Amino acid sequence: MNFRRWVVFTFLIHVLVVAIDKGGGIILYLLCANQPDQHGGAGIIASLPFIIGAVANLGFATALVYFVRRGQFSAQTCFQTAMSVAAVWGSFVAGLAAVVTLYALPWLRDDWLFDPWLVAPFCLVVPLLLVSSYANSTQLATDRVKDYGLVHLVTSLAFLPAFFVLFFWLGGDVSAGHVPMAVAWGRLISTAIVALLALWLVRKVVKVRLGLDREFLREGILYGWKANLTSTLTYLNHRIDLLVVGALFVPAAALTATLVGAAKLEATAKLVLEQVAFYSMAVTWAELVWHFPEAMRDLFFSKVAGSSHEQARRLTPVLSRLGLLLSVVGAVGIVFVIDPVMGTITYLAKGSSDVWYADWSPAVTTALWVLVPGTAAYTVSKVLQADLAARNHLQTCVNAQVIVLVTMLGLDFVFVPEYGAVGAAAASTIAYVLSTFYSLWVYGRQTGVRLDECLVVRGADFRYVAEIVSAVLGKLRRKRS
């Protein structure tokens, strides 16, 4: 694997993915700008399939890359076993999620009633998510980085058209709840397209068929359960606050004191979902600083899994400190540009920016100021954990994620009921910083790398980047000639 060359390619693909995803997020914001509660409901619906999918993954995507790169199993053996797991286990998890949502949750609380037409798509999407994940991991494991990046790109490209077709087919009425419904079914349709694409591309390196190798199944589960626990905790840490804000926030009594019965319940739910929307918007902007480590994560994992300890020891600190530098610079920029950018977008779309500055900005920008120190610091943890996972130190990764989850949820109970989105941001920042210190301490103890080597940029780092850019430009010039 030519890591330097593929770093640039993967990063550019990720930039496109981010642009498409954030553009779609802005479009959803504009649709629901006057009704933030609908934006909040859509955000929860958009997150649920990926939370369920993360739980169902079993770590087979990570295990597949790990064992193929190390030459312990063939790509064909891993792929066909993973496809069988996706079909059988994915269908079981989808059915279980439907039963829990439609029957168990309403039994716990009378007001938790869900439309089956809203529940069906985010359950049915689970086996399709597993198929696309396992098939695309096979491409990464066999160095088909271009096709691997293409699948990620189409994942983002396919959703928005599917969403709009369904939104207008339903009637295009935000107040009627068409946005969450279109999000749910749009995600199902777009994921089906991605799964078919991934299978079509991966046929170049493996035969697309089901099969079961018991040894890989056993080894994959033994290795993968910790990887899956790590990825599940990671996704929960990034998204569970949306659910927590909805469950814990208590609107000011004065706002609903004059209402009773169903009217009070509806008004309270609206205020709660508005806080979910404000926090979702703040998270969307704050997480922009993660896109360097996120773009490199899978490629970096594959690289380290196939490298010696000394090779990884030289590379990881460089990526850690470069990632931190980019994140800090990005975080400073984000907090200053969010108001002019979102105000301008709102003005161009609606003829006035009042809805942003009056309804959204006060809560969103405050939450963002509180959240970005944590997301910037956590960049270091993401890089170090990818290295540790690739060298089979998965327990450390699990511990780091548990620190985030336990700290964040504990502080959510303290901050969220009164402060809503801002309280959730404070809980997340504290949790991210604590987990980063833990990751640094463990990585340093295991490798002998000093703390400053992972945090403080050196002049050689810029030469390293210049060499990558020079190599890529040289390749482009040779192709043209």
Protein backbone atom coordinates (compact mmCIF):
# COMPACT_ATOMS: atom_id res chain seq x y z
CA MET A 1 0.00 0.00 0.00
CA ASN A 2 1.36 3.42 -1.03
CA PHE A 3 0.14 5.13 2.13
CA ARG A 4 1.28 8.66 1.24
CA ARG A 5 -0.44 8.62 -2.15
CA TRP A 6 -3.67 7.14 -0.82
CA VAL A 7 -3.74 9.62 2.11
CA VAL A 8 -4.30 12.47 -0.34
CA PHE A 9 -6.89 10.55 -2.35
CA THR A 10 -8.81 9.45 0.74
CA PHE A 11 -8.73 12.93 2.23
CA LEU A 12 -10.08 14.50 -0.98
CA ILE A 13 -12.88 11.92 -1.14
CA HIS A 14 -13.70 12.68 2.48
CA VAL A 15 -13.80 16.42 1.76
CA LEU A 16 -16.37 15.74 -0.96
CA VAL A 17 -18.37 13.55 1.39
CA VAL A 18 -18.33 16.24 4.07
CA ALA A 19 -19.39 18.92 1.57
CA ILE A 20 -22.31 16.79 0.40
CA ASP A 21 -23.39 15.77 3.91
CA LYS A 22 -23.18 19.27 5.34
CA GLY A 23 -24.93 20.67 2.28
CA GLY A 24 -27.74 18.22 2.89
CA GLY A 25 -27.82 19.27 6.54
CA ILE A 26 -28.16 22.91 5.54
CA ILE A 27 -31.01 22.06 3.19
CA LEU A 28 -32.83 20.25 6.02
CA TYR A 29 -32.20 23.26 8.26
CA LEU A 30 -33.73 25.59 5.66
CA LEU A 31 -36.77 23.33 5.28
CA CYS A 32 -37.34 23.32 9.04
CA ALA A 33 -35.92 26.74 9.97
CA ASN A 34 -39.29 27.98 11.22
CA GLN A 35 -40.04 24.68 12.95
CA PRO A 36 -36.91 23.54 14.82
CA ASP A 37 -38.86 20.72 16.47
CA GLN A 38 -39.24 18.99 13.09
CA HIS A 39 -35.49 19.32 12.52
CA GLY A 40 -34.90 17.74 15.94
CA GLY A 41 -37.22 14.82 15.16
CA ALA A 42 -35.52 14.26 11.80
CA GLY A 43 -32.11 14.27 13.52
CA ILE A 44 -33.15 11.50 15.88
CA ILE A 45 -34.61 9.42 13.03
CA ALA A 46 -31.43 9.91 10.97
CA SER A 47 -29.23 8.70 13.84
CA LEU A 48 -31.18 5.60 14.89
CA PRO A 49 -30.29 3.30 11.94
CA PHE A 50 -26.59 3.92 12.46
CA ILE A 51 -26.83 3.36 16.21
CA ILE A 52 -28.59 0.03 15.62
CA GLY A 53 -26.17 -0.80 12.79
CA ALA A 54 -23.17 -0.08 15.02
CA VAL A 55 -24.54 -2.43 17.68
CA ALA A 56 -25.24 -5.14 15.07
CA ASN A 57 -21.87 -4.91 13.30
CA LEU A 58 -20.15 -7.45 15.61
CA GLY A 59 -16.82 -5.91 14.66
CA PHE A 60 -16.65 -8.03 11.52
CA ALA A 61 -15.76 -5.04 9.33
CA THR A 62 -12.68 -4.35 11.47
CA ALA A 63 -11.85 -8.03 11.93
CA LEU A 64 -12.04 -8.62 8.17
CA VAL A 65 -9.45 -5.92 7.46
CA TYR A 66 -7.25 -7.04 10.36
CA PHE A 67 -7.06 -10.74 9.43
CA VAL A 68 -6.77 -10.24 5.67
CA ARG A 69 -3.99 -7.67 6.06
CA ARG A 70 -2.11 -10.01 8.37
CA GLY A 71 -2.56 -12.93 5.96
CA GLN A 72 -4.36 -15.15 8.47
CA PHE A 73 -7.43 -15.68 6.29
CA SER A 74 -8.17 -15.15 2.61
CA ALA A 75 -10.38 -12.29 1.46
CA GLN A 76 -12.84 -14.82 -0.01
CA THR A 77 -13.22 -16.70 3.27
CA CYS A 78 -13.74 -13.53 5.28
CA PHE A 79 -16.12 -11.97 2.77
CA GLN A 80 -18.53 -14.86 2.33
CA THR A 81 -18.68 -15.51 6.07
CA ALA A 82 -19.34 -11.82 6.72
CA MET A 83 -22.13 -11.81 4.11
CA SER A 84 -23.82 -14.71 5.89
CA VAL A 85 -23.57 -12.84 9.18
CA ALA A 86 -25.07 -9.73 7.54
CA ALA A 87 -28.04 -11.69 6.17
CA VAL A 88 -28.88 -13.76 9.25
CA TRP A 89 -27.77 -11.60 12.16
CA GLY A 90 -28.77 -8.33 10.47
CA SER A 91 -32.32 -9.58 9.87
CA PHE A 92 -32.60 -10.76 13.49
CA VAL A 93 -31.46 -7.39 14.85
CA ALA A 94 -33.87 -5.56 12.52
CA GLY A 95 -36.79 -7.65 13.80
CA LEU A 96 -35.75 -7.18 17.41
CA ALA A 97 -35.49 -3.40 16.94
CA ALA A 98 -39.00 -3.31 15.48
CA VAL A 99 -40.46 -5.28 18.40
CA VAL A 100 -38.74 -3.09 20.99
CA THR A 101 -39.81 0.16 19.30
CA LEU A 102 -43.41 -0.79 18.55
CA TYR A 103 -44.24 -2.81 21.66
CA ALA A 104 -41.70 -2.55 24.50
CA LEU A 105 -41.23 1.24 24.57
CA PRO A 106 -45.00 2.03 24.52
CA TRP A 107 -45.40 -0.45 27.38
CA LEU A 108 -42.85 1.54 29.40
CA ARG A 109 -44.42 4.94 28.64
CA ASP A 110 -47.88 5.64 27.24
CA ASP A 111 -46.71 8.69 25.26
CA TRP A 112 -44.00 6.71 23.43
CA LEU A 113 -46.13 5.66 20.47
CA PHE A 114 -44.46 5.32 17.07
CA ASP A 115 -45.85 5.14 13.56
CA PRO A 116 -45.02 1.66 12.13
CA TRP A 117 -44.35 3.33 8.74
CA LEU A 118 -41.65 5.39 10.47
CA VAL A 119 -40.20 2.42 12.35
CA ALA A 120 -40.05 -0.01 9.41
CA PRO A 121 -37.39 1.77 7.31
CA PHE A 122 -34.85 2.38 10.08
CA CYS A 123 -35.13 -1.32 11.05
CA LEU A 124 -34.98 -2.70 7.49
CA VAL A 125 -31.88 -0.66 6.77
CA VAL A 126 -29.77 -2.63 9.30
CA PRO A 127 -28.89 -5.73 7.18
CA LEU A 128 -28.21 -3.45 4.21
CA LEU A 129 -25.80 -1.37 6.31
CA LEU A 130 -23.96 -4.55 7.29
CA VAL A 131 -23.72 -5.76 3.69
CA SER A 132 -22.27 -2.47 2.47
CA SER A 133 -19.90 -2.22 5.45
CA TYR A 134 -18.51 -5.75 5.10
CA ALA A 135 -18.23 -5.56 1.30
CA ASN A 136 -16.44 -2.22 1.42
CA SER A 137 -14.10 -3.41 4.17
CA THR A 138 -13.10 -6.25 1.84
CA GLN A 139 -12.06 -3.63 -0.71
CA LEU A 140 -9.95 -1.78 1.85
CA ALA A 141 -8.32 -5.02 2.98
CA THR A 142 -7.35 -5.85 -0.61
CA ASP A 143 -5.97 -2.35 -1.34
CA ARG A 144 -8.84 -1.28 -3.60
CA VAL A 145 -8.80 2.19 -2.07
CA LYS A 146 -10.38 3.94 -5.07
CA ASP A 147 -13.47 1.72 -5.03
CA TYR A 148 -13.55 1.96 -1.23
CA GLY A 149 -13.65 5.76 -1.49
CA LEU A 150 -16.27 5.61 -4.26
CA VAL A 151 -18.67 3.68 -2.02
CA HIS A 152 -18.30 6.29 0.72
CA LEU A 153 -18.93 9.05 -1.81
CA VAL A 154 -22.08 7.41 -3.19
CA THR A 155 -23.32 6.85 0.37
CA SER A 156 -23.54 10.62 0.71
CA LEU A 157 -24.66 11.35 -2.86
CA ALA A 158 -27.57 8.90 -2.85
CA PHE A 159 -29.41 10.11 0.25
CA LEU A 160 -30.45 13.63 -0.69
CA PRO A 161 -32.17 12.77 -4.01
CA ALA A 162 -33.99 9.87 -2.33
CA PHE A 163 -35.07 12.18 0.50
CA PHE A 164 -36.47 14.85 -1.84
CA VAL A 165 -38.35 12.37 -4.03
CA LEU A 166 -40.07 10.96 -0.95
CA PHE A 167 -40.60 14.35 0.70
CA PHE A 168 -42.48 15.77 -2.27
CA TRP A 169 -44.25 12.47 -2.96
CA LEU A 170 -45.61 12.63 0.61
CA GLY A 171 -46.84 16.17 -0.02
CA GLY A 172 -43.87 18.35 0.94
CA ASP A 173 -45.47 19.64 4.15
CA VAL A 174 -43.03 20.21 7.01
CA SER A 175 -45.80 20.83 9.56
CA ALA A 176 -47.38 17.46 8.72
CA GLY A 177 -44.24 15.60 9.78
CA HIS A 178 -43.14 14.70 6.26
CA VAL A 179 -39.46 15.50 6.93
CA PRO A 180 -38.80 12.68 9.47
CA MET A 181 -40.75 10.22 7.30
CA ALA A 182 -38.80 11.17 4.17
CA VAL A 183 -35.51 10.94 6.11
CA ALA A 184 -36.35 7.41 7.27
CA TRP A 185 -37.40 6.04 3.86
CA GLY A 186 -34.76 8.03 1.99
CA ARG A 187 -32.08 6.42 4.13
CA LEU A 188 -33.45 2.94 3.38
CA ILE A 189 -33.52 3.51 -0.38
CA SER A 190 -30.08 5.14 -0.53
CA THR A 191 -28.53 2.39 1.62
CA ALA A 192 -29.96 -0.28 -0.70
CA ILE A 193 -28.29 1.50 -3.65
CA VAL A 194 -24.97 1.64 -1.79
CA ALA A 195 -25.14 -2.05 -0.81
CA LEU A 196 -25.72 -3.05 -4.46
CA LEU A 197 -22.81 -0.83 -5.58
CA ALA A 198 -20.46 -2.28 -2.96
CA LEU A 199 -21.33 -5.84 -4.00
CA TRP A 200 -20.87 -4.99 -7.68
CA LEU A 201 -17.42 -3.48 -7.06
CA VAL A 202 -16.13 -6.15 -4.70
CA ARG A 203 -16.86 -8.91 -7.23
CA LYS A 204 -13.53 -7.93 -8.84
CA VAL A 205 -11.60 -9.47 -5.93
CA VAL A 206 -13.98 -12.09 -4.49
CA LYS A 207 -16.91 -14.22 -5.59
CA VAL A 208 -20.15 -12.73 -4.29
CA ARG A 209 -21.71 -15.63 -2.43
CA LEU A 210 -22.67 -16.77 1.04
CA GLY A 211 -20.55 -19.19 3.01
CA LEU A 212 -19.46 -20.00 6.53
CA ASP A 213 -15.94 -20.60 7.76
CA ARG A 214 -16.27 -21.53 11.41
CA GLU A 215 -12.68 -20.70 12.27
CA PHE A 216 -12.94 -17.16 10.90
CA LEU A 217 -16.37 -16.77 12.49
CA ARG A 218 -14.88 -17.68 15.85
CA GLU A 219 -11.73 -15.59 15.45
CA GLY A 220 -13.71 -12.70 13.97
CA ILE A 221 -16.04 -12.65 16.96
CA LEU A 222 -13.19 -12.99 19.48
CA TYR A 223 -11.31 -10.08 17.91
CA GLY A 224 -14.32 -8.18 16.66
CA TRP A 225 -16.46 -7.96 19.79
CA LYS A 226 -14.08 -5.48 21.38
CA ALA A 227 -13.71 -3.61 18.10
CA ASN A 228 -17.49 -3.57 17.84
CA LEU A 229 -17.86 -2.44 21.42
CA THR A 230 -15.41 0.36 20.68
CA SER A 231 -17.19 1.48 17.51
CA THR A 232 -20.61 1.21 19.15
CA LEU A 233 -19.48 3.25 22.14
CA THR A 234 -17.87 5.75 19.76
CA TYR A 235 -21.08 6.24 17.83
CA LEU A 236 -23.13 6.43 21.02
CA ASN A 237 -20.71 8.99 22.42
CA HIS A 238 -21.15 11.13 19.31
CA ARG A 239 -24.94 10.79 18.95
CA ILE A 240 -26.58 9.66 22.17
CA ASP A 241 -26.69 13.22 23.47
CA LEU A 242 -29.41 13.94 20.91
CA LEU A 243 -31.57 11.34 22.65
CA VAL A 244 -30.46 12.44 26.11
CA VAL A 245 -31.40 16.07 25.48
CA GLY A 246 -34.82 14.89 24.33
CA ALA A 247 -35.25 12.73 27.42
CA LEU A 248 -33.83 15.01 30.14
CA PHE A 249 -34.42 18.63 29.15
CA VAL A 250 -37.10 20.29 31.26
CA PRO A 251 -38.46 23.48 29.65
CA ALA A 252 -38.97 26.49 31.88
CA ALA A 253 -42.26 26.07 33.76
CA ALA A 254 -43.37 29.61 32.85
CA LEU A 255 -43.50 28.69 29.17
CA THR A 256 -46.10 25.96 29.69
CA ALA A 257 -47.73 26.94 32.96
CA THR A 258 -50.85 28.29 31.29
CA LEU A 259 -51.43 25.08 29.33
CA VAL A 260 -52.98 21.83 30.50
CA GLY A 261 -53.50 18.31 29.23
CA ALA A 262 -52.70 17.50 25.61
CA ALA A 263 -51.87 21.13 24.77
CA LYS A 264 -49.23 21.28 27.49
CA LEU A 265 -47.77 17.94 26.40
CA GLU A 266 -47.55 19.12 22.79
CA ALA A 267 -45.96 22.45 23.75
CA THR A 268 -43.41 20.73 25.99
CA ALA A 269 -42.50 18.21 23.28
CA LYS A 270 -42.01 21.06 20.81
CA LEU A 271 -39.62 22.88 23.16
CA VAL A 272 -37.68 19.70 23.86
CA LEU A 273 -37.25 18.88 20.16
CA GLU A 274 -36.10 22.45 19.55
CA GLN A 275 -33.23 21.89 22.00
CA VAL A 276 -32.41 18.66 20.16
CA ALA A 277 -32.27 20.65 16.90
CA PHE A 278 -30.02 23.34 18.41
CA TYR A 279 -27.62 20.76 19.83
CA SER A 280 -27.64 18.81 16.56
CA MET A 281 -26.64 21.96 14.67
CA ALA A 282 -23.84 22.72 17.15
CA VAL A 283 -22.54 19.14 16.90
CA THR A 284 -22.60 19.31 13.10
CA TRP A 285 -20.29 22.32 13.14
CA ALA A 286 -18.08 21.20 16.03
CA GLU A 287 -17.41 17.80 14.46
CA LEU A 288 -15.99 19.43 11.34
CA VAL A 289 -12.63 19.38 13.14
CA TRP A 290 -12.71 15.58 13.17
CA HIS A 291 -12.71 15.14 9.44
CA PHE A 292 -8.93 14.81 9.11
CA PRO A 293 -8.67 11.86 11.55
CA GLU A 294 -11.98 10.42 10.30
CA ALA A 295 -10.75 10.55 6.70
CA MET A 296 -7.56 8.73 7.68
CA ARG A 297 -9.02 6.30 10.24
CA ASP A 298 -9.73 3.21 8.12
CA LEU A 299 -6.71 3.71 5.84
CA PHE A 300 -4.47 4.31 8.86
CA PHE A 301 -5.85 1.22 10.63
CA SER A 302 -5.11 -0.91 7.56
CA LYS A 303 -1.61 0.58 7.31
CA VAL A 304 -0.71 -0.05 10.96
CA ALA A 305 -2.21 -3.57 10.89
CA GLY A 306 0.26 -4.44 8.12
CA SER A 307 3.26 -2.59 9.66
CA SER A 308 5.86 -3.35 12.29
CA HIS A 309 5.75 -1.77 15.74
CA GLU A 310 8.60 0.62 14.89
CA GLN A 311 7.01 1.74 11.62
CA ALA A 312 3.78 2.54 13.44
CA ARG A 313 5.66 4.26 16.27
CA ARG A 314 7.22 6.68 13.76
CA LEU A 315 4.01 7.43 11.88
CA THR A 316 1.36 7.72 14.61
CA PRO A 317 2.77 10.72 16.55
CA VAL A 318 3.13 12.66 13.28
CA LEU A 319 -0.53 12.16 12.37
CA SER A 320 -1.59 12.88 15.96
CA ARG A 321 0.07 16.28 16.22
CA LEU A 322 -0.84 17.31 12.66
CA GLY A 323 -4.44 16.33 13.35
CA LEU A 324 -4.46 18.36 16.57
CA LEU A 325 -3.03 21.42 14.80
CA LEU A 326 -5.65 21.26 12.06
CA SER A 327 -8.41 20.74 14.63
CA VAL A 328 -7.40 23.72 16.77
CA VAL A 329 -7.15 26.03 13.74
CA GLY A 330 -10.45 24.69 12.46
CA ALA A 331 -12.19 25.11 15.82
CA VAL A 332 -11.14 28.76 16.07
CA GLY A 333 -12.43 29.39 12.56
CA ILE A 334 -15.73 27.57 13.12
CA VAL A 335 -16.88 29.60 16.10
CA PHE A 336 -16.33 32.85 14.21
CA VAL A 337 -17.89 31.90 10.88
CA ILE A 338 -21.03 30.05 11.94
CA ASP A 339 -23.18 33.18 12.38
CA PRO A 340 -22.20 34.94 9.13
CA VAL A 341 -22.40 31.70 7.13
CA MET A 342 -25.74 30.51 8.49
CA GLY A 343 -27.15 34.04 8.53
CA THR A 344 -26.22 34.51 4.87
CA ILE A 345 -27.61 31.12 3.85
CA THR A 346 -30.87 31.86 5.66
CA TYR A 347 -31.10 35.29 4.06
CA LEU A 348 -30.49 33.95 0.54
CA ALA A 349 -33.09 31.20 0.97
CA LYS A 350 -35.77 33.10 2.87
CA GLY A 351 -35.12 36.79 2.19
CA SER A 352 -34.34 37.44 5.85
CA SER A 353 -31.81 36.15 8.37
CA ASP A 354 -34.04 36.92 11.37
CA VAL A 355 -35.04 33.29 11.93
CA TRP A 356 -31.38 32.29 12.37
CA TYR A 357 -30.34 35.17 14.63
CA ALA A 358 -33.55 35.18 16.69
CA ASP A 359 -34.41 31.48 17.03
CA TRP A 360 -31.26 29.44 16.36
CA SER A 361 -28.09 31.45 16.96
CA PRO A 362 -28.34 32.17 20.72
CA ALA A 363 -28.48 28.49 21.70
CA VAL A 364 -26.37 27.07 18.85
CA THR A 365 -23.40 29.44 19.09
CA THR A 366 -23.26 29.18 22.88
CA ALA A 367 -23.27 25.38 22.68
CA LEU A 368 -20.62 25.53 19.96
CA TRP A 369 -18.23 27.66 22.03
CA VAL A 370 -18.53 25.11 24.83
CA LEU A 371 -18.21 22.06 22.56
CA VAL A 372 -15.24 22.83 20.26
CA PRO A 373 -12.48 22.59 22.91
CA GLY A 374 -13.53 19.01 23.53
CA THR A 375 -13.85 18.00 19.87
CA ALA A 376 -10.46 19.55 19.04
CA ALA A 377 -8.74 17.71 21.90
CA TYR A 378 -10.42 14.43 21.02
CA THR A 379 -8.72 14.40 17.60
CA VAL A 380 -5.60 13.07 19.35
CA SER A 381 -7.58 10.26 20.95
CA LYS A 382 -9.03 9.21 17.59
CA VAL A 383 -5.59 8.84 16.00
CA LEU A 384 -4.06 7.00 18.96
CA GLN A 385 -7.00 4.62 19.28
CA ALA A 386 -6.78 3.68 15.58
CA ASP A 387 -3.12 2.73 16.17
CA LEU A 388 -3.89 0.78 19.33
CA ALA A 389 -6.77 -1.13 17.69
CA ALA A 390 -4.58 -2.10 14.72
CA ARG A 391 -1.99 -3.52 17.16
CA ASN A 392 -4.69 -5.50 18.99
CA HIS A 393 -4.83 -3.29 22.10
CA LEU A 394 -8.60 -3.12 21.87
CA GLN A 395 -9.22 -3.08 25.61
CA THR A 396 -7.53 0.33 25.79
CA CYS A 397 -9.90 1.64 23.11
CA VAL A 398 -12.89 0.23 24.99
CA ASN A 399 -11.70 1.85 28.22
CA ALA A 400 -11.30 5.24 26.49
CA GLN A 401 -14.82 5.07 25.07
CA VAL A 402 -16.29 3.97 28.40
CA ILE A 403 -14.68 7.00 30.03
CA VAL A 404 -16.44 9.25 27.51
CA LEU A 405 -19.81 7.53 27.85
CA VAL A 406 -19.91 7.30 31.65
CA THR A 407 -18.59 10.84 32.19
CA MET A 408 -20.84 12.34 29.54
CA LEU A 409 -24.04 10.62 30.71
CA GLY A 410 -23.29 11.38 34.35
CA LEU A 411 -22.79 15.08 33.61
CA ASP A 412 -25.81 15.11 31.28
CA PHE A 413 -28.03 14.33 34.26
CA VAL A 414 -26.50 17.34 36.03
CA PHE A 415 -26.44 19.88 33.18
CA VAL A 416 -29.10 18.97 30.60
CA PRO A 417 -32.35 19.33 32.61
CA GLU A 418 -31.68 23.05 33.15
CA TYR A 419 -29.35 24.04 30.31
CA GLY A 420 -30.46 21.78 27.46
CA ALA A 421 -28.15 21.94 24.43
CA VAL A 422 -25.49 23.98 26.23
CA GLY A 423 -25.46 21.52 29.13
CA ALA A 424 -24.99 18.59 26.75
CA ALA A 425 -22.08 20.44 25.10
CA ALA A 426 -20.36 20.98 28.47
CA ALA A 427 -20.78 17.31 29.40
CA SER A 428 -19.31 16.20 26.07
CA THR A 429 -16.29 18.51 26.26
CA ILE A 430 -15.31 17.36 29.74
CA ALA A 431 -15.71 13.70 28.71
CA TYR A 432 -13.66 14.13 25.52
CA VAL A 433 -10.78 15.83 27.33
CA LEU A 434 -10.63 13.16 30.05
CA SER A 435 -10.61 10.37 27.46
CA THR A 436 -7.86 12.09 25.48
CA PHE A 437 -5.61 12.31 28.54
CA TYR A 438 -6.23 8.61 29.19
CA SER A 439 -5.37 7.67 25.59
CA LEU A 440 -2.16 9.70 25.73
CA TRP A 441 -1.12 8.12 29.01
CA VAL A 442 -1.73 4.54 27.85
CA TYR A 443 -0.17 5.04 24.42
CA GLY A 444 2.93 6.58 25.98
CA ARG A 445 3.24 3.75 28.48
CA GLN A 446 2.93 1.07 25.79
CA THR A 447 5.22 2.65 23.19
CA GLY A 448 7.63 4.85 25.14
CA VAL A 449 6.51 7.91 23.14
CA ARG A 450 6.58 11.13 25.16
CA LEU A 451 3.37 13.14 25.50
CA ASP A 452 4.77 16.15 23.62
CA GLU A 453 5.58 13.96 20.61
CA CYS A 454 1.84 13.48 20.05
CA LEU A 455 0.87 17.10 20.71
CA VAL A 456 3.57 19.57 19.61
CA VAL A 457 4.12 20.07 15.87
CA ARG A 458 7.67 19.90 14.56
CA GLY A 459 9.26 21.40 11.47
CA ALA A 460 9.76 17.91 10.03
CA ASP A 461 5.98 17.44 10.00
CA PHE A 462 5.57 20.16 7.39
CA ARG A 463 8.33 18.57 5.32
CA TYR A 464 6.45 15.28 5.56
CA VAL A 465 3.30 16.96 4.24
CA ALA A 466 5.30 18.70 1.50
CA GLU A 467 6.75 15.35 0.42
CA ILE A 468 3.26 13.87 0.13
CA VAL A 469 1.99 16.80 -1.93
CA SER A 470 5.11 16.74 -4.10
CA ALA A 471 4.76 13.02 -4.76
CA VAL A 472 1.11 13.38 -5.74
CA LEU A 473 1.75 16.38 -8.02
CA GLY A 474 4.67 14.54 -9.62
CA LYS A 475 2.43 11.57 -10.35
CA LEU A 476 -0.19 13.86 -11.91
CA ARG A 477 2.45 15.54 -14.09
CA ARG A 478 3.75 12.17 -15.28
CA LYS A 479 0.24 11.08 -16.20
CA ARG A 480 -0.35 14.25 -18.24
CA SER A 481 2.90 13.83 -20.10
